[in-house]
Amino acid sequence: MARIRGMGIATLDIIKSVNECAREESKQRAVSQRIVRGGNVGNTVVRLSQQGHHCAWGGVLADDPNADYIFNDLHSHAIDTSACR
């Protein structure tokens, strides 16, 4: 399998669910919320890792709990983050 290093964005996505689409100029409350790691490069290296490739991610994240969430999720998918700042 290939050795792949993705350089780019990994994000924290907040996904809110609603019962139906809101009409124009109206408000609607979310019925649930979940937080997941996202971002084009983050998602790509995870998917490639799931297919058996050896993947690494390089990017810059803040030093805060949100970054810890992203790092922990990448590590849970065997993504090397040693090139990160």
C-alpha atoms as a PDB file:
ATOM      1  CA  MET A   1       0.000   0.000   0.000  1.00  0.00           C
ATOM      2  CA  ALA A   2       1.008   3.640  -0.468  1.00  0.00           C
ATOM      3  CA  ARG A   3       2.441   6.060   2.057  1.00  0.00           C
ATOM      4  CA  ILE A   4       0.387   9.264   1.832  1.00  0.00           C
ATOM      5  CA  ARG A   5       0.810  12.611   3.560  1.00  0.00           C
ATOM      6  CA  GLY A   6      -2.083  15.057   3.333  1.00  0.00           C
ATOM      7  CA  MET A   7      -1.313  18.726   3.936  1.00  0.00           C
ATOM      8  CA  GLY A   8      -4.257  20.992   4.596  1.00  0.00           C
ATOM      9  CA  ILE A   9      -7.322  21.469   6.669  1.00  0.00           C
ATOM     10  CA  ALA A  10      -8.872  19.371   9.397  1.00  0.00           C
ATOM     11  CA  THR A  11     -11.834  20.989  11.111  1.00  0.00           C
ATOM     12  CA  LEU A  12     -14.329  20.499  13.880  1.00  0.00           C
ATOM     13  CA  ASP A  13     -17.818  20.286  12.365  1.00  0.00           C
ATOM     14  CA  ILE A  14     -20.943  20.936  14.409  1.00  0.00           C
ATOM     15  CA  ILE A  15     -23.924  19.189  12.830  1.00  0.00           C
ATOM     16  CA  LYS A  16     -27.410  20.189  13.939  1.00  0.00           C
ATOM     17  CA  SER A  17     -30.462  18.147  12.996  1.00  0.00           C
ATOM     18  CA  VAL A  18     -33.967  19.527  12.476  1.00  0.00           C
ATOM     19  CA  ASN A  19     -37.318  17.839  11.921  1.00  0.00           C
ATOM     20  CA  GLU A  20     -37.965  19.620   8.616  1.00  0.00           C
ATOM     21  CA  CYS A  21     -36.470  22.326   6.414  1.00  0.00           C
ATOM     22  CA  ALA A  22     -37.253  25.826   7.646  1.00  0.00           C
ATOM     23  CA  ARG A  23     -39.319  28.101   5.454  1.00  0.00           C
ATOM     24  CA  GLU A  24     -37.773  31.307   4.220  1.00  0.00           C
ATOM     25  CA  GLU A  25     -37.528  34.004   6.904  1.00  0.00           C
ATOM     26  CA  SER A  26     -38.504  31.564   9.664  1.00  0.00           C
ATOM     27  CA  LYS A  27     -36.705  30.079  12.639  1.00  0.00           C
ATOM     28  CA  GLN A  28     -36.491  26.485  13.703  1.00  0.00           C
ATOM     29  CA  ARG A  29     -34.937  24.779  16.707  1.00  0.00           C
ATOM     30  CA  ALA A  30     -32.454  21.968  16.307  1.00  0.00           C
ATOM     31  CA  VAL A  31     -33.570  18.656  17.782  1.00  0.00           C
ATOM     32  CA  SER A  32     -30.035  17.306  18.161  1.00  0.00           C
ATOM     33  CA  GLN A  33     -26.403  18.232  17.708  1.00  0.00           C
ATOM     34  CA  ARG A  34     -23.216  16.247  17.181  1.00  0.00           C
ATOM     35  CA  ILE A  35     -19.584  17.217  16.804  1.00  0.00           C
ATOM     36  CA  VAL A  36     -17.299  15.417  14.354  1.00  0.00           C
ATOM     37  CA  ARG A  37     -13.903  15.931  12.788  1.00  0.00           C
ATOM     38  CA  GLY A  38     -14.137  17.175   9.226  1.00  0.00           C
ATOM     39  CA  GLY A  39     -12.200  19.071   6.584  1.00  0.00           C
ATOM     40  CA  ASN A  40     -11.277  17.903   3.085  1.00  0.00           C
ATOM     41  CA  VAL A  41      -7.780  16.644   3.848  1.00  0.00           C
ATOM     42  CA  GLY A  42      -8.690  15.192   7.243  1.00  0.00           C
ATOM     43  CA  ASN A  43     -11.545  13.227   5.712  1.00  0.00           C
ATOM     44  CA  THR A  44      -9.413  12.079   2.771  1.00  0.00           C
ATOM     45  CA  VAL A  45      -6.537  10.657   4.838  1.00  0.00           C
ATOM     46  CA  VAL A  46      -8.993   8.856   7.139  1.00  0.00           C
ATOM     47  CA  ARG A  47     -10.732   7.241   4.168  1.00  0.00           C
ATOM     48  CA  LEU A  48      -7.403   6.234   2.606  1.00  0.00           C
ATOM     49  CA  SER A  49      -6.261   4.804   5.940  1.00  0.00           C
ATOM     50  CA  GLN A  50      -9.449   2.744   6.116  1.00  0.00           C
ATOM     51  CA  GLN A  51      -8.457   1.281   2.742  1.00  0.00           C
ATOM     52  CA  GLY A  52      -5.104   0.143   4.163  1.00  0.00           C
ATOM     53  CA  HIS A  53      -2.769   2.982   3.181  1.00  0.00           C
ATOM     54  CA  HIS A  54      -0.229   4.423   5.650  1.00  0.00           C
ATOM     55  CA  CYS A  55      -1.375   8.029   6.061  1.00  0.00           C
ATOM     56  CA  ALA A  56      -0.113  11.162   7.759  1.00  0.00           C
ATOM     57  CA  TRP A  57      -1.698  14.579   8.154  1.00  0.00           C
ATOM     58  CA  GLY A  58       0.153  17.887   8.282  1.00  0.00           C
ATOM     59  CA  GLY A  59      -1.462  21.122   9.315  1.00  0.00           C
ATOM     60  CA  VAL A  60      -1.693  23.761  12.000  1.00  0.00           C
ATOM     61  CA  LEU A  61      -4.150  23.654  14.896  1.00  0.00           C
ATOM     62  CA  ALA A  62      -4.597  25.832  17.951  1.00  0.00           C
ATOM     63  CA  ASP A  63      -3.546  24.522  21.353  1.00  0.00           C
ATOM     64  CA  ASP A  64      -7.024  23.960  22.795  1.00  0.00           C
ATOM     65  CA  PRO A  65      -9.539  21.180  23.536  1.00  0.00           C
ATOM     66  CA  ASN A  66     -10.982  21.371  19.998  1.00  0.00           C
ATOM     67  CA  ALA A  67      -7.561  20.567  18.538  1.00  0.00           C
ATOM     68  CA  ASP A  68      -7.248  17.686  21.006  1.00  0.00           C
ATOM     69  CA  TYR A  69     -10.550  16.300  19.685  1.00  0.00           C
ATOM     70  CA  ILE A  70      -9.247  16.468  16.093  1.00  0.00           C
ATOM     71  CA  PHE A  71      -5.884  14.865  16.998  1.00  0.00           C
ATOM     72  CA  ASN A  72      -7.560  12.093  18.997  1.00  0.00           C
ATOM     73  CA  ASP A  73      -9.929  11.301  16.143  1.00  0.00           C
ATOM     74  CA  LEU A  74      -7.114  11.214  13.583  1.00  0.00           C
ATOM     75  CA  HIS A  75      -5.060   8.972  15.883  1.00  0.00           C
ATOM     76  CA  SER A  76      -8.041   6.620  16.300  1.00  0.00           C
ATOM     77  CA  HIS A  77      -7.818   6.082  12.515  1.00  0.00           C
ATOM     78  CA  ALA A  78      -4.030   5.437  12.643  1.00  0.00           C
ATOM     79  CA  ILE A  79      -3.158   8.803  11.078  1.00  0.00           C
ATOM     80  CA  ASP A  80       0.379  10.053  11.857  1.00  0.00           C
ATOM     81  CA  THR A  81       0.270  13.685  13.052  1.00  0.00           C
ATOM     82  CA  SER A  82       3.954  14.095  13.905  1.00  0.00           C
ATOM     83  CA  ALA A  83       4.367  16.849  11.256  1.00  0.00           C
ATOM     84  CA  CYS A  84       1.723  19.042  12.912  1.00  0.00           C
ATOM     85  CA  ARG A  85       2.322  22.256  14.801  1.00  0.00           C
END
